[in-house]
Amino acid sequence: MRSSSCSLVCPSFSAAARSRAAEEIVDADLDTLEFLVNKSLVRHGHDRFSMLETIREYAAERLAESSDGDAIRRRRGEFFLALAEELELGAYLGFLVQP
């Protein structure tokens, strides 16, 4: 994945993301994320990964040219839908068990 890491990982997130999101959406393991951090393409802090806006914009252009763009956007939507459902269920269950 390293050859296309920037074009796939960076534009998939408009804000900071956790490694779980990167792993599930673009199949970026921790080694790939560390590689991007070491190349100053991605920053890591507070358990999240982020990037400079200019890097993200460049990567978004590359993704638009890529044949993987639609699949990555679909996986991103599916990931965040599942996360929202998980959080909603957790909040609901938390409400049920509180005294």
N, C-alpha and C. Protein backbone atom coordinates (compact mmCIF):
# COMPACT_ATOMS: atom_id res chain seq x y z
N MET A 1 0.80 -1.20 0.00
CA MET A 1 0.00 0.00 0.00
C MET A 1 0.85 1.27 0.00
N ARG A 2 2.10 1.21 0.38
CA ARG A 2 2.92 2.41 0.50
C ARG A 2 3.01 3.22 -0.77
N SER A 3 2.99 2.60 -1.92
CA SER A 3 3.12 3.36 -3.15
C SER A 3 1.96 4.31 -3.37
N SER A 4 0.80 3.98 -2.85
CA SER A 4 -0.35 4.86 -3.02
C SER A 4 -0.89 5.36 -1.69
N SER A 5 -0.08 5.30 -0.65
CA SER A 5 -0.55 5.65 0.69
C SER A 5 -1.14 7.05 0.75
N CYS A 6 -0.42 8.02 0.23
CA CYS A 6 -0.89 9.40 0.35
C CYS A 6 -2.19 9.59 -0.42
N SER A 7 -2.28 9.01 -1.60
CA SER A 7 -3.47 9.22 -2.41
C SER A 7 -4.69 8.52 -1.84
N LEU A 8 -4.50 7.56 -0.95
CA LEU A 8 -5.64 6.84 -0.41
C LEU A 8 -5.97 7.23 1.02
N VAL A 9 -4.98 7.39 1.87
CA VAL A 9 -5.26 7.67 3.27
C VAL A 9 -5.65 9.12 3.47
N CYS A 10 -4.86 10.04 2.99
CA CYS A 10 -5.03 11.45 3.34
C CYS A 10 -6.40 12.03 3.02
N PRO A 11 -6.91 11.92 1.81
CA PRO A 11 -8.15 12.63 1.52
C PRO A 11 -9.38 11.97 2.11
N SER A 12 -9.24 10.81 2.67
CA SER A 12 -10.40 10.11 3.19
C SER A 12 -10.92 10.74 4.47
N PHE A 13 -10.13 11.62 5.07
CA PHE A 13 -10.50 12.21 6.35
C PHE A 13 -10.34 13.72 6.27
N SER A 14 -11.40 14.45 6.55
CA SER A 14 -11.30 15.91 6.52
C SER A 14 -10.83 16.45 7.85
N ALA A 15 -10.81 15.62 8.87
CA ALA A 15 -10.33 16.01 10.19
C ALA A 15 -9.48 14.88 10.74
N ALA A 16 -9.10 14.99 11.99
CA ALA A 16 -8.28 13.95 12.60
C ALA A 16 -9.05 12.64 12.67
N ALA A 17 -8.32 11.55 12.52
CA ALA A 17 -8.94 10.23 12.54
C ALA A 17 -8.14 9.29 13.42
N ARG A 18 -8.79 8.32 13.95
CA ARG A 18 -8.11 7.28 14.72
C ARG A 18 -7.62 6.20 13.78
N SER A 19 -6.67 5.41 14.24
CA SER A 19 -6.10 4.37 13.39
C SER A 19 -7.16 3.36 12.97
N ARG A 20 -8.17 3.10 13.81
CA ARG A 20 -9.23 2.15 13.45
C ARG A 20 -9.92 2.57 12.15
N ALA A 21 -10.20 3.86 12.01
CA ALA A 21 -10.86 4.35 10.80
C ALA A 21 -9.95 4.14 9.58
N ALA A 22 -8.69 4.49 9.70
CA ALA A 22 -7.76 4.32 8.58
C ALA A 22 -7.62 2.85 8.21
N GLU A 23 -7.58 1.99 9.21
CA GLU A 23 -7.45 0.56 8.95
C GLU A 23 -8.66 0.03 8.20
N GLU A 24 -9.85 0.41 8.63
CA GLU A 24 -11.06 -0.14 8.03
C GLU A 24 -11.42 0.50 6.70
N ILE A 25 -11.12 1.76 6.52
CA ILE A 25 -11.54 2.45 5.31
C ILE A 25 -10.55 2.25 4.16
N VAL A 26 -9.26 2.42 4.43
CA VAL A 26 -8.27 2.34 3.35
C VAL A 26 -7.25 1.23 3.56
N ASP A 27 -7.53 0.35 4.51
CA ASP A 27 -6.64 -0.79 4.76
C ASP A 27 -5.22 -0.34 5.11
N ALA A 28 -5.11 0.76 5.86
CA ALA A 28 -3.81 1.30 6.26
C ALA A 28 -3.48 0.76 7.65
N ASP A 29 -2.50 -0.11 7.72
CA ASP A 29 -2.10 -0.64 9.02
C ASP A 29 -1.20 0.38 9.74
N LEU A 30 -0.84 0.06 10.97
CA LEU A 30 -0.02 0.99 11.75
C LEU A 30 1.33 1.25 11.12
N ASP A 31 1.90 0.27 10.43
CA ASP A 31 3.18 0.49 9.75
C ASP A 31 3.03 1.55 8.66
N THR A 32 1.94 1.50 7.91
CA THR A 32 1.71 2.49 6.86
C THR A 32 1.52 3.88 7.47
N LEU A 33 0.74 3.95 8.54
CA LEU A 33 0.54 5.24 9.19
C LEU A 33 1.85 5.80 9.75
N GLU A 34 2.66 4.93 10.34
CA GLU A 34 3.96 5.35 10.86
C GLU A 34 4.86 5.85 9.72
N PHE A 35 4.83 5.15 8.59
CA PHE A 35 5.59 5.56 7.41
C PHE A 35 5.18 6.98 6.99
N LEU A 36 3.88 7.24 6.94
CA LEU A 36 3.39 8.56 6.55
C LEU A 36 3.77 9.63 7.57
N VAL A 37 3.73 9.28 8.86
CA VAL A 37 4.16 10.22 9.91
C VAL A 37 5.64 10.54 9.74
N ASN A 38 6.46 9.52 9.51
CA ASN A 38 7.90 9.72 9.35
C ASN A 38 8.24 10.57 8.13
N LYS A 39 7.39 10.54 7.11
CA LYS A 39 7.59 11.35 5.91
C LYS A 39 6.92 12.73 6.02
N SER A 40 6.37 13.02 7.19
CA SER A 40 5.68 14.29 7.48
C SER A 40 4.46 14.52 6.59
N LEU A 41 3.85 13.45 6.12
CA LEU A 41 2.62 13.56 5.35
C LEU A 41 1.39 13.50 6.26
N VAL A 42 1.57 12.87 7.40
CA VAL A 42 0.50 12.73 8.39
C VAL A 42 1.10 13.04 9.75
N ARG A 43 0.32 13.70 10.60
CA ARG A 43 0.76 13.98 11.96
C ARG A 43 0.02 13.07 12.92
N HIS A 44 0.65 12.75 14.04
CA HIS A 44 0.03 11.89 15.05
C HIS A 44 0.11 12.59 16.39
N GLY A 45 -1.03 12.67 17.06
CA GLY A 45 -1.07 13.26 18.38
C GLY A 45 -2.42 13.03 19.02
N HIS A 46 -2.41 12.83 20.32
CA HIS A 46 -3.65 12.61 21.07
C HIS A 46 -4.45 11.44 20.51
N ASP A 47 -3.76 10.36 20.14
CA ASP A 47 -4.39 9.15 19.63
C ASP A 47 -5.14 9.35 18.32
N ARG A 48 -4.78 10.39 17.58
CA ARG A 48 -5.42 10.66 16.29
C ARG A 48 -4.36 11.00 15.24
N PHE A 49 -4.72 10.79 13.99
CA PHE A 49 -3.87 11.13 12.87
C PHE A 49 -4.53 12.28 12.11
N SER A 50 -3.71 13.23 11.67
CA SER A 50 -4.23 14.37 10.90
C SER A 50 -3.18 14.78 9.88
N MET A 51 -3.55 15.72 9.01
CA MET A 51 -2.61 16.17 7.99
C MET A 51 -2.82 17.65 7.69
N LEU A 52 -1.82 18.26 7.10
CA LEU A 52 -1.95 19.64 6.65
C LEU A 52 -2.99 19.69 5.55
N GLU A 53 -3.71 20.78 5.48
CA GLU A 53 -4.77 20.92 4.47
C GLU A 53 -4.22 20.82 3.05
N THR A 54 -3.06 21.38 2.80
CA THR A 54 -2.50 21.32 1.45
C THR A 54 -2.18 19.88 1.03
N ILE A 55 -1.71 19.07 1.97
CA ILE A 55 -1.43 17.67 1.68
C ILE A 55 -2.74 16.94 1.40
N ARG A 56 -3.77 17.22 2.20
CA ARG A 56 -5.06 16.57 2.01
C ARG A 56 -5.67 16.94 0.67
N GLU A 57 -5.56 18.21 0.29
CA GLU A 57 -6.10 18.64 -1.00
C GLU A 57 -5.39 17.95 -2.16
N TYR A 58 -4.07 17.86 -2.09
CA TYR A 58 -3.30 17.17 -3.14
C TYR A 58 -3.73 15.71 -3.22
N ALA A 59 -3.84 15.07 -2.07
CA ALA A 59 -4.23 13.65 -2.04
C ALA A 59 -5.65 13.47 -2.56
N ALA A 60 -6.53 14.42 -2.28
CA ALA A 60 -7.91 14.33 -2.77
C ALA A 60 -7.93 14.38 -4.30
N GLU A 61 -7.07 15.20 -4.87
CA GLU A 61 -6.97 15.25 -6.33
C GLU A 61 -6.50 13.91 -6.89
N ARG A 62 -5.49 13.34 -6.23
CA ARG A 62 -4.99 12.03 -6.67
C ARG A 62 -6.06 10.96 -6.54
N LEU A 63 -6.83 11.01 -5.45
CA LEU A 63 -7.89 10.03 -5.24
C LEU A 63 -8.97 10.17 -6.31
N ALA A 64 -9.28 11.40 -6.68
CA ALA A 64 -10.28 11.63 -7.72
C ALA A 64 -9.85 11.00 -9.04
N GLU A 65 -8.55 10.96 -9.30
CA GLU A 65 -8.02 10.36 -10.52
C GLU A 65 -7.90 8.84 -10.41
N SER A 66 -7.99 8.33 -9.20
CA SER A 66 -7.79 6.90 -8.95
C SER A 66 -9.06 6.11 -9.20
N SER A 67 -8.89 4.87 -9.59
CA SER A 67 -10.05 3.99 -9.76
C SER A 67 -10.59 3.51 -8.42
N ASP A 68 -9.86 3.76 -7.33
CA ASP A 68 -10.29 3.32 -6.00
C ASP A 68 -11.18 4.35 -5.28
N GLY A 69 -11.34 5.52 -5.85
CA GLY A 69 -12.04 6.60 -5.18
C GLY A 69 -13.45 6.24 -4.73
N ASP A 70 -14.25 5.68 -5.61
CA ASP A 70 -15.64 5.35 -5.26
C ASP A 70 -15.69 4.31 -4.14
N ALA A 71 -14.85 3.31 -4.22
CA ALA A 71 -14.85 2.26 -3.20
C ALA A 71 -14.43 2.81 -1.84
N ILE A 72 -13.46 3.71 -1.83
CA ILE A 72 -13.01 4.30 -0.57
C ILE A 72 -14.08 5.20 0.02
N ARG A 73 -14.74 5.99 -0.82
CA ARG A 73 -15.82 6.84 -0.31
C ARG A 73 -16.96 5.99 0.24
N ARG A 74 -17.26 4.87 -0.41
CA ARG A 74 -18.30 3.97 0.08
C ARG A 74 -17.91 3.38 1.43
N ARG A 75 -16.66 2.89 1.55
CA ARG A 75 -16.20 2.32 2.82
C ARG A 75 -16.19 3.37 3.93
N ARG A 76 -15.85 4.61 3.58
CA ARG A 76 -15.86 5.69 4.57
C ARG A 76 -17.28 5.91 5.09
N GLY A 77 -18.23 5.98 4.19
CA GLY A 77 -19.62 6.14 4.60
C GLY A 77 -20.11 4.98 5.45
N GLU A 78 -19.77 3.77 5.04
CA GLU A 78 -20.18 2.59 5.81
C GLU A 78 -19.55 2.58 7.20
N PHE A 79 -18.28 2.97 7.29
CA PHE A 79 -17.59 2.99 8.58
C PHE A 79 -18.27 3.97 9.53
N PHE A 80 -18.51 5.20 9.05
CA PHE A 80 -19.07 6.21 9.95
C PHE A 80 -20.54 5.94 10.26
N LEU A 81 -21.26 5.31 9.35
CA LEU A 81 -22.63 4.90 9.66
C LEU A 81 -22.62 3.86 10.77
N ALA A 82 -21.74 2.87 10.65
CA ALA A 82 -21.64 1.84 11.69
C ALA A 82 -21.21 2.44 13.01
N LEU A 83 -20.28 3.39 12.98
CA LEU A 83 -19.83 4.05 14.20
C LEU A 83 -20.98 4.82 14.85
N ALA A 84 -21.75 5.54 14.05
CA ALA A 84 -22.88 6.30 14.59
C ALA A 84 -23.91 5.35 15.21
N GLU A 85 -24.17 4.24 14.53
CA GLU A 85 -25.12 3.26 15.08
C GLU A 85 -24.59 2.66 16.37
N GLU A 86 -23.30 2.39 16.42
CA GLU A 86 -22.66 1.84 17.62
C GLU A 86 -22.76 2.83 18.79
N LEU A 87 -22.50 4.10 18.51
CA LEU A 87 -22.57 5.13 19.55
C LEU A 87 -24.01 5.34 20.02
N GLU A 88 -24.94 5.32 19.07
CA GLU A 88 -26.35 5.49 19.43
C GLU A 88 -26.82 4.34 20.30
N LEU A 89 -26.46 3.13 19.94
CA LEU A 89 -26.83 1.96 20.73
C LEU A 89 -26.18 2.03 22.11
N GLY A 90 -24.90 2.42 22.16
CA GLY A 90 -24.21 2.54 23.44
C GLY A 90 -24.86 3.57 24.33
N ALA A 91 -25.26 4.70 23.76
CA ALA A 91 -25.92 5.74 24.55
C ALA A 91 -27.27 5.23 25.05
N TYR A 92 -27.99 4.51 24.20
CA TYR A 92 -29.29 3.97 24.57
C TYR A 92 -29.15 2.94 25.68
N LEU A 93 -28.19 2.03 25.53
CA LEU A 93 -27.99 1.01 26.56
C LEU A 93 -27.50 1.63 27.85
N GLY A 94 -26.66 2.66 27.77
CA GLY A 94 -26.20 3.36 28.96
C GLY A 94 -27.35 4.00 29.69
N PHE A 95 -28.30 4.53 28.93
CA PHE A 95 -29.48 5.15 29.53
C PHE A 95 -30.31 4.09 30.26
N LEU A 96 -30.40 2.90 29.70
CA LEU A 96 -31.22 1.84 30.30
C LEU A 96 -30.64 1.32 31.61
N VAL A 97 -29.32 1.30 31.74
CA VAL A 97 -28.72 0.71 32.93
C VAL A 97 -28.43 1.72 34.03
N GLN A 98 -28.61 3.00 33.78
CA GLN A 98 -28.37 3.99 34.83
C GLN A 98 -29.49 3.93 35.87
N PRO A 99 -29.13 4.13 37.17
CA PRO A 99 -30.16 4.08 38.22
C PRO A 99 -31.13 5.23 38.15
